[in-house]
Amino acid sequence: MPNKPRSVLCKQLGHEFAQPQLLQRALTHRSYAPEHNERLEFLGDSILGCVIAKYLYSHYPQLSEGELSRLRSNLVREETLALLAQQLDLGSHLQLGEGERKSAGFRRPSILADAMEALIGAVMLDGGFAEAEKVILGLFVPYLDKVDAQTLGKDAKTQLQEYLQAKRIPLPVYSVVATQGEAHAQSFQVECAIPFLGITTKGEGTSRRNAEQQSALAAYQMIGNKP
């Protein structure tokens, strides 16, 4: 998969790197080079948790500590990070080793989620905490605005099902449309179809269940964007 110009990604993030080598490392998977993104991932994970916790504390005064914790966990989990990465088309910017390229690693949720965290860590080192906070909120606030406190802790398939049932809309149909990779490292692509709403989304995962969750989350987001 050809890599897109990094300037496209920087524009989407709203941050131009003074140290482009940090961006390069954030987008480098361990399968590609010894200088990869895992340490940046560690840093970004911590910053992301802090920024999201601060935002939730300020904007959801009615929620208890337990509810805030569940909401934070829902926001920083792999599924949400991978969805945001897909919206950025982050996979097209990643540097992957030959094996990961052949097994479509650029679509694997775990790789995308890790790269998102590494990207946040890189922004932090390049521009400071305030800049990292700006980038994080720019990515997450649109999603945060759609979160209903009553759905805390519920997975995407459950949220989508309950929404459709409340609206008396037929439930979605999930189907596997592709499988890739060897048996020990398979990747599944699942389609979520809601014909009544004219919505069809796809999700990728290392298991059928994970792929279904990804496609359900994408459908739930799409419903939220409809007028």
C-alpha atoms as a PDB file:
ATOM      1  CA  MET A   1       0.000   0.000   0.000  1.00  0.00           C
ATOM      2  CA  PRO A   2       1.672   3.297  -1.081  1.00  0.00           C
ATOM      3  CA  ASN A   3       2.327   5.846   1.620  1.00  0.00           C
ATOM      4  CA  LYS A   4       0.513   9.155   1.401  1.00  0.00           C
ATOM      5  CA  PRO A   5       2.280  12.496   1.911  1.00  0.00           C
ATOM      6  CA  ARG A   6       2.771  13.123   5.622  1.00  0.00           C
ATOM      7  CA  SER A   7       1.544  16.702   5.124  1.00  0.00           C
ATOM      8  CA  VAL A   8      -1.992  15.324   4.652  1.00  0.00           C
ATOM      9  CA  LEU A   9      -1.879  13.678   8.058  1.00  0.00           C
ATOM     10  CA  CYS A  10      -0.411  16.766   9.735  1.00  0.00           C
ATOM     11  CA  LYS A  11      -3.214  18.881   8.321  1.00  0.00           C
ATOM     12  CA  GLN A  12      -5.823  16.466   9.664  1.00  0.00           C
ATOM     13  CA  LEU A  13      -4.186  16.522  13.091  1.00  0.00           C
ATOM     14  CA  GLY A  14      -3.785  20.280  13.105  1.00  0.00           C
ATOM     15  CA  HIS A  15      -0.102  19.977  14.024  1.00  0.00           C
ATOM     16  CA  GLU A  16       2.996  20.559  11.901  1.00  0.00           C
ATOM     17  CA  PHE A  17       6.028  18.739  13.257  1.00  0.00           C
ATOM     18  CA  ALA A  18       9.117  20.815  14.004  1.00  0.00           C
ATOM     19  CA  GLN A  19      10.893  17.467  14.432  1.00  0.00           C
ATOM     20  CA  PRO A  20       9.682  15.310  11.530  1.00  0.00           C
ATOM     21  CA  GLN A  21      11.774  12.398  12.794  1.00  0.00           C
ATOM     22  CA  LEU A  22       9.274  12.034  15.635  1.00  0.00           C
ATOM     23  CA  LEU A  23       6.438  11.646  13.158  1.00  0.00           C
ATOM     24  CA  GLN A  24       8.517   9.149  11.209  1.00  0.00           C
ATOM     25  CA  ARG A  25       9.093   7.034  14.299  1.00  0.00           C
ATOM     26  CA  ALA A  26       5.430   7.210  15.368  1.00  0.00           C
ATOM     27  CA  LEU A  27       4.443   5.702  12.023  1.00  0.00           C
ATOM     28  CA  THR A  28       7.096   2.951  12.058  1.00  0.00           C
ATOM     29  CA  HIS A  29       5.993  -0.512  13.183  1.00  0.00           C
ATOM     30  CA  ARG A  30       8.492  -2.805  14.888  1.00  0.00           C
ATOM     31  CA  SER A  31       8.340  -5.146  11.886  1.00  0.00           C
ATOM     32  CA  TYR A  32       9.886  -2.435   9.706  1.00  0.00           C
ATOM     33  CA  ALA A  33      12.894  -1.090  11.616  1.00  0.00           C
ATOM     34  CA  PRO A  34      14.685  -1.245  14.993  1.00  0.00           C
ATOM     35  CA  GLU A  35      13.698   2.362  15.677  1.00  0.00           C
ATOM     36  CA  HIS A  36       9.971   1.762  15.956  1.00  0.00           C
ATOM     37  CA  ASN A  37       7.002   3.384  17.708  1.00  0.00           C
ATOM     38  CA  GLU A  38       6.512   1.265  20.850  1.00  0.00           C
ATOM     39  CA  ARG A  39       8.109   3.717  23.301  1.00  0.00           C
ATOM     40  CA  LEU A  40       6.075   6.563  21.814  1.00  0.00           C
ATOM     41  CA  GLU A  41       3.018   4.348  22.169  1.00  0.00           C
ATOM     42  CA  PHE A  42       3.721   4.002  25.900  1.00  0.00           C
ATOM     43  CA  LEU A  43       3.985   7.778  26.253  1.00  0.00           C
ATOM     44  CA  GLY A  44       0.910   8.505  24.149  1.00  0.00           C
ATOM     45  CA  ASP A  45      -1.212   6.034  26.101  1.00  0.00           C
ATOM     46  CA  SER A  46      -0.487   7.900  29.343  1.00  0.00           C
ATOM     47  CA  ILE A  47      -1.120  11.330  27.848  1.00  0.00           C
ATOM     48  CA  LEU A  48      -4.348  10.197  26.214  1.00  0.00           C
ATOM     49  CA  GLY A  49      -5.685   8.827  29.487  1.00  0.00           C
ATOM     50  CA  CYS A  50      -4.812  12.048  31.310  1.00  0.00           C
ATOM     51  CA  VAL A  51      -6.366  14.362  28.712  1.00  0.00           C
ATOM     52  CA  ILE A  52      -9.565  12.329  28.437  1.00  0.00           C
ATOM     53  CA  ALA A  53      -9.881  12.108  32.235  1.00  0.00           C
ATOM     54  CA  LYS A  54      -9.456  15.880  32.558  1.00  0.00           C
ATOM     55  CA  TYR A  55     -12.045  16.549  29.858  1.00  0.00           C
ATOM     56  CA  LEU A  56     -14.598  14.146  31.327  1.00  0.00           C
ATOM     57  CA  TYR A  57     -14.137  15.560  34.824  1.00  0.00           C
ATOM     58  CA  SER A  58     -14.807  19.088  33.532  1.00  0.00           C
ATOM     59  CA  HIS A  59     -17.655  18.333  31.136  1.00  0.00           C
ATOM     60  CA  TYR A  60     -19.596  15.585  32.917  1.00  0.00           C
ATOM     61  CA  PRO A  61     -20.096  16.888  36.491  1.00  0.00           C
ATOM     62  CA  GLN A  62     -23.176  14.696  36.935  1.00  0.00           C
ATOM     63  CA  LEU A  63     -21.251  11.431  36.565  1.00  0.00           C
ATOM     64  CA  SER A  64     -19.826   9.445  39.479  1.00  0.00           C
ATOM     65  CA  GLU A  65     -16.224   8.274  39.695  1.00  0.00           C
ATOM     66  CA  GLY A  66     -17.246   4.808  38.515  1.00  0.00           C
ATOM     67  CA  GLU A  67     -19.190   6.185  35.557  1.00  0.00           C
ATOM     68  CA  LEU A  68     -16.301   8.457  34.595  1.00  0.00           C
ATOM     69  CA  SER A  69     -13.905   5.507  34.712  1.00  0.00           C
ATOM     70  CA  ARG A  70     -16.147   3.386  32.496  1.00  0.00           C
ATOM     71  CA  LEU A  71     -16.591   6.205  30.009  1.00  0.00           C
ATOM     72  CA  ARG A  72     -12.852   6.839  29.865  1.00  0.00           C
ATOM     73  CA  SER A  73     -12.198   3.132  29.305  1.00  0.00           C
ATOM     74  CA  ASN A  74     -14.744   3.129  26.490  1.00  0.00           C
ATOM     75  CA  LEU A  75     -13.033   6.065  24.806  1.00  0.00           C
ATOM     76  CA  VAL A  76      -9.402   4.938  25.000  1.00  0.00           C
ATOM     77  CA  ARG A  77      -9.983   1.276  24.091  1.00  0.00           C
ATOM     78  CA  GLU A  78      -8.637  -0.301  20.920  1.00  0.00           C
ATOM     79  CA  GLU A  79     -11.952  -0.160  19.045  1.00  0.00           C
ATOM     80  CA  THR A  80     -12.327   3.597  19.416  1.00  0.00           C
ATOM     81  CA  LEU A  81      -8.684   4.320  18.635  1.00  0.00           C
ATOM     82  CA  ALA A  82      -8.810   2.121  15.548  1.00  0.00           C
ATOM     83  CA  LEU A  83     -11.968   3.855  14.347  1.00  0.00           C
ATOM     84  CA  LEU A  84     -10.342   7.285  14.683  1.00  0.00           C
ATOM     85  CA  ALA A  85      -7.270   5.939  12.902  1.00  0.00           C
ATOM     86  CA  GLN A  86      -9.465   4.728  10.041  1.00  0.00           C
ATOM     87  CA  GLN A  87     -11.028   8.177   9.775  1.00  0.00           C
ATOM     88  CA  LEU A  88      -7.505   9.598   9.391  1.00  0.00           C
ATOM     89  CA  ASP A  89      -6.610   6.829   6.916  1.00  0.00           C
ATOM     90  CA  LEU A  90      -3.645   6.256   9.196  1.00  0.00           C
ATOM     91  CA  GLY A  91      -2.918   2.847   7.720  1.00  0.00           C
ATOM     92  CA  SER A  92      -1.771   4.436   4.466  1.00  0.00           C
ATOM     93  CA  HIS A  93       0.960   6.318   6.353  1.00  0.00           C
ATOM     94  CA  LEU A  94       2.415   3.378   8.294  1.00  0.00           C
ATOM     95  CA  GLN A  95       5.816   1.829   7.671  1.00  0.00           C
ATOM     96  CA  LEU A  96       5.334  -1.946   7.962  1.00  0.00           C
ATOM     97  CA  GLY A  97       7.575  -4.927   7.379  1.00  0.00           C
ATOM     98  CA  GLU A  98       6.927  -7.197   4.415  1.00  0.00           C
ATOM     99  CA  GLY A  99       5.041  -9.781   6.463  1.00  0.00           C
ATOM    100  CA  GLU A 100       2.687  -7.218   7.966  1.00  0.00           C
ATOM    101  CA  ARG A 101       2.086  -5.632   4.581  1.00  0.00           C
ATOM    102  CA  LYS A 102       1.171  -8.965   3.050  1.00  0.00           C
ATOM    103  CA  SER A 103      -1.240  -9.739   5.898  1.00  0.00           C
ATOM    104  CA  ALA A 104      -2.899  -6.283   5.582  1.00  0.00           C
ATOM    105  CA  GLY A 105      -1.429  -5.029   8.844  1.00  0.00           C
ATOM    106  CA  PHE A 106      -2.310  -1.486   7.800  1.00  0.00           C
ATOM    107  CA  ARG A 107      -5.952  -2.422   8.502  1.00  0.00           C
ATOM    108  CA  ARG A 108      -5.399  -4.375  11.734  1.00  0.00           C
ATOM    109  CA  PRO A 109      -7.108  -2.589  14.673  1.00  0.00           C
ATOM    110  CA  SER A 110      -4.311  -3.355  17.134  1.00  0.00           C
ATOM    111  CA  ILE A 111      -1.663  -1.839  14.856  1.00  0.00           C
ATOM    112  CA  LEU A 112      -3.831   1.197  14.093  1.00  0.00           C
ATOM    113  CA  ALA A 113      -4.646   1.784  17.772  1.00  0.00           C
ATOM    114  CA  ASP A 114      -0.980   1.514  18.771  1.00  0.00           C
ATOM    115  CA  ALA A 115      -0.001   3.950  16.019  1.00  0.00           C
ATOM    116  CA  MET A 116      -2.616   6.443  17.234  1.00  0.00           C
ATOM    117  CA  GLU A 117      -1.096   6.359  20.718  1.00  0.00           C
ATOM    118  CA  ALA A 118       2.413   6.702  19.276  1.00  0.00           C
ATOM    119  CA  LEU A 119       1.270   9.686  17.232  1.00  0.00           C
ATOM    120  CA  ILE A 120      -0.034  11.378  20.384  1.00  0.00           C
ATOM    121  CA  GLY A 121       3.278  10.712  22.105  1.00  0.00           C
ATOM    122  CA  ALA A 122       5.139  12.235  19.165  1.00  0.00           C
ATOM    123  CA  VAL A 123       2.985  15.375  19.244  1.00  0.00           C
ATOM    124  CA  MET A 124       3.668  15.707  22.961  1.00  0.00           C
ATOM    125  CA  LEU A 125       7.447  15.557  22.495  1.00  0.00           C
ATOM    126  CA  ASP A 126       7.313  17.884  19.513  1.00  0.00           C
ATOM    127  CA  GLY A 127       4.929  20.550  20.785  1.00  0.00           C
ATOM    128  CA  GLY A 128       4.306  20.001  24.498  1.00  0.00           C
ATOM    129  CA  PHE A 129       1.341  18.854  26.560  1.00  0.00           C
ATOM    130  CA  ALA A 130      -0.999  21.670  25.515  1.00  0.00           C
ATOM    131  CA  GLU A 131      -0.459  20.853  21.849  1.00  0.00           C
ATOM    132  CA  ALA A 132      -1.048  17.141  22.475  1.00  0.00           C
ATOM    133  CA  GLU A 133      -4.227  18.008  24.373  1.00  0.00           C
ATOM    134  CA  LYS A 134      -5.443  20.119  21.447  1.00  0.00           C
ATOM    135  CA  VAL A 135      -4.850  17.287  18.975  1.00  0.00           C
ATOM    136  CA  ILE A 136      -6.497  14.683  21.222  1.00  0.00           C
ATOM    137  CA  LEU A 137      -9.611  16.749  21.829  1.00  0.00           C
ATOM    138  CA  GLY A 138      -9.820  17.618  18.147  1.00  0.00           C
ATOM    139  CA  LEU A 139     -10.044  13.906  17.438  1.00  0.00           C
ATOM    140  CA  PHE A 140     -12.151  12.772  20.373  1.00  0.00           C
ATOM    141  CA  VAL A 141     -14.649  15.559  21.106  1.00  0.00           C
ATOM    142  CA  PRO A 142     -16.823  14.797  18.046  1.00  0.00           C
ATOM    143  CA  TYR A 143     -17.083  11.225  19.311  1.00  0.00           C
ATOM    144  CA  LEU A 144     -17.523  12.324  22.941  1.00  0.00           C
ATOM    145  CA  ASP A 145     -20.451  14.525  21.986  1.00  0.00           C
ATOM    146  CA  LYS A 146     -22.335  11.441  20.762  1.00  0.00           C
ATOM    147  CA  VAL A 147     -21.776   9.322  23.859  1.00  0.00           C
ATOM    148  CA  ASP A 148     -24.852   8.705  25.985  1.00  0.00           C
ATOM    149  CA  ALA A 149     -24.123   8.158  29.687  1.00  0.00           C
ATOM    150  CA  GLN A 150     -26.714   5.356  29.672  1.00  0.00           C
ATOM    151  CA  THR A 151     -24.570   3.364  27.253  1.00  0.00           C
ATOM    152  CA  LEU A 152     -21.465   3.401  29.452  1.00  0.00           C
ATOM    153  CA  GLY A 153     -19.640   0.088  29.388  1.00  0.00           C
ATOM    154  CA  LYS A 154     -21.774  -1.335  26.579  1.00  0.00           C
ATOM    155  CA  ASP A 155     -20.032  -2.546  23.458  1.00  0.00           C
ATOM    156  CA  ALA A 156     -20.764  -1.125  20.025  1.00  0.00           C
ATOM    157  CA  LYS A 157     -23.015  -4.011  18.879  1.00  0.00           C
ATOM    158  CA  THR A 158     -25.175  -3.649  21.969  1.00  0.00           C
ATOM    159  CA  GLN A 159     -25.426   0.119  21.609  1.00  0.00           C
ATOM    160  CA  LEU A 160     -26.371  -0.182  17.940  1.00  0.00           C
ATOM    161  CA  GLN A 161     -28.942  -2.901  18.634  1.00  0.00           C
ATOM    162  CA  GLU A 162     -30.605  -0.957  21.452  1.00  0.00           C
ATOM    163  CA  TYR A 163     -30.729   2.206  19.337  1.00  0.00           C
ATOM    164  CA  LEU A 164     -32.364   0.394  16.418  1.00  0.00           C
ATOM    165  CA  GLN A 165     -34.837  -1.422  18.664  1.00  0.00           C
ATOM    166  CA  ALA A 166     -35.857   1.868  20.271  1.00  0.00           C
ATOM    167  CA  LYS A 167     -36.546   3.277  16.794  1.00  0.00           C
ATOM    168  CA  ARG A 168     -38.299   0.063  15.671  1.00  0.00           C
ATOM    169  CA  ILE A 169     -35.753  -0.375  12.890  1.00  0.00           C
ATOM    170  CA  PRO A 170     -34.783  -3.912  11.753  1.00  0.00           C
ATOM    171  CA  LEU A 171     -31.537  -5.114  13.312  1.00  0.00           C
ATOM    172  CA  PRO A 172     -28.288  -5.093  11.306  1.00  0.00           C
ATOM    173  CA  VAL A 173     -26.991  -8.065   9.377  1.00  0.00           C
ATOM    174  CA  TYR A 174     -23.322  -8.979   9.860  1.00  0.00           C
ATOM    175  CA  SER A 175     -21.416 -10.958   7.247  1.00  0.00           C
ATOM    176  CA  VAL A 176     -17.756 -11.862   6.745  1.00  0.00           C
ATOM    177  CA  VAL A 177     -16.653 -10.429   3.412  1.00  0.00           C
ATOM    178  CA  ALA A 178     -12.946 -11.299   3.541  1.00  0.00           C
ATOM    179  CA  THR A 179     -10.291 -13.138   5.528  1.00  0.00           C
ATOM    180  CA  GLN A 180      -6.569 -12.587   5.126  1.00  0.00           C
ATOM    181  CA  GLY A 181      -3.335 -13.931   6.542  1.00  0.00           C
ATOM    182  CA  GLU A 182      -2.133 -17.256   7.887  1.00  0.00           C
ATOM    183  CA  ALA A 183      -4.149 -19.224  10.440  1.00  0.00           C
ATOM    184  CA  HIS A 184      -2.043 -17.934  13.351  1.00  0.00           C
ATOM    185  CA  ALA A 185      -2.420 -14.293  12.286  1.00  0.00           C
ATOM    186  CA  GLN A 186      -5.726 -14.062  10.468  1.00  0.00           C
ATOM    187  CA  SER A 187      -7.550 -10.825   9.843  1.00  0.00           C
ATOM    188  CA  PHE A 188     -11.318 -10.733   9.309  1.00  0.00           C
ATOM    189  CA  GLN A 189     -13.316  -8.097   7.456  1.00  0.00           C
ATOM    190  CA  VAL A 190     -16.990  -7.944   8.417  1.00  0.00           C
ATOM    191  CA  GLU A 191     -19.776  -5.909   6.854  1.00  0.00           C
ATOM    192  CA  CYS A 192     -22.597  -4.426   8.909  1.00  0.00           C
ATOM    193  CA  ALA A 193     -25.675  -3.698   6.794  1.00  0.00           C
ATOM    194  CA  ILE A 194     -28.772  -1.749   7.877  1.00  0.00           C
ATOM    195  CA  PRO A 195     -30.833  -1.627   4.648  1.00  0.00           C
ATOM    196  CA  PHE A 196     -33.664   0.361   6.252  1.00  0.00           C
ATOM    197  CA  LEU A 197     -31.255   3.281   6.817  1.00  0.00           C
ATOM    198  CA  GLY A 198     -29.181   2.703   3.678  1.00  0.00           C
ATOM    199  CA  ILE A 199     -26.092   2.133   5.810  1.00  0.00           C
ATOM    200  CA  THR A 200     -23.295  -0.354   5.106  1.00  0.00           C
ATOM    201  CA  THR A 201     -20.023  -0.269   7.039  1.00  0.00           C
ATOM    202  CA  LYS A 202     -16.988  -2.523   7.316  1.00  0.00           C
ATOM    203  CA  GLY A 203     -14.778  -3.456  10.216  1.00  0.00           C
ATOM    204  CA  GLU A 204     -11.447  -5.251  10.516  1.00  0.00           C
ATOM    205  CA  GLY A 205     -10.281  -7.434  13.378  1.00  0.00           C
ATOM    206  CA  THR A 206      -8.145 -10.371  14.422  1.00  0.00           C
ATOM    207  CA  SER A 207     -11.361 -12.267  15.181  1.00  0.00           C
ATOM    208  CA  ARG A 208     -14.849 -12.196  13.702  1.00  0.00           C
ATOM    209  CA  ARG A 209     -16.175 -10.749  16.964  1.00  0.00           C
ATOM    210  CA  ASN A 210     -13.699  -7.863  16.926  1.00  0.00           C
ATOM    211  CA  ALA A 211     -14.457  -7.156  13.275  1.00  0.00           C
ATOM    212  CA  GLU A 212     -18.199  -7.118  14.005  1.00  0.00           C
ATOM    213  CA  GLN A 213     -17.610  -4.646  16.844  1.00  0.00           C
ATOM    214  CA  GLN A 214     -15.612  -2.393  14.505  1.00  0.00           C
ATOM    215  CA  SER A 215     -18.305  -2.429  11.819  1.00  0.00           C
ATOM    216  CA  ALA A 216     -21.032  -1.827  14.429  1.00  0.00           C
ATOM    217  CA  LEU A 217     -19.127   1.117  15.880  1.00  0.00           C
ATOM    218  CA  ALA A 218     -18.691   2.626  12.411  1.00  0.00           C
ATOM    219  CA  ALA A 219     -22.447   2.198  11.748  1.00  0.00           C
ATOM    220  CA  TYR A 220     -23.333   3.756  15.095  1.00  0.00           C
ATOM    221  CA  GLN A 221     -21.093   6.725  14.286  1.00  0.00           C
ATOM    222  CA  MET A 222     -22.652   7.063  10.830  1.00  0.00           C
ATOM    223  CA  ILE A 223     -26.150   7.145  12.318  1.00  0.00           C
ATOM    224  CA  GLY A 224     -25.017   9.926  14.647  1.00  0.00           C
ATOM    225  CA  ASN A 225     -23.813  11.943  11.639  1.00  0.00           C
ATOM    226  CA  LYS A 226     -27.103  11.641   9.761  1.00  0.00           C
ATOM    227  CA  PRO A 227     -29.369  14.720   9.844  1.00  0.00           C
END
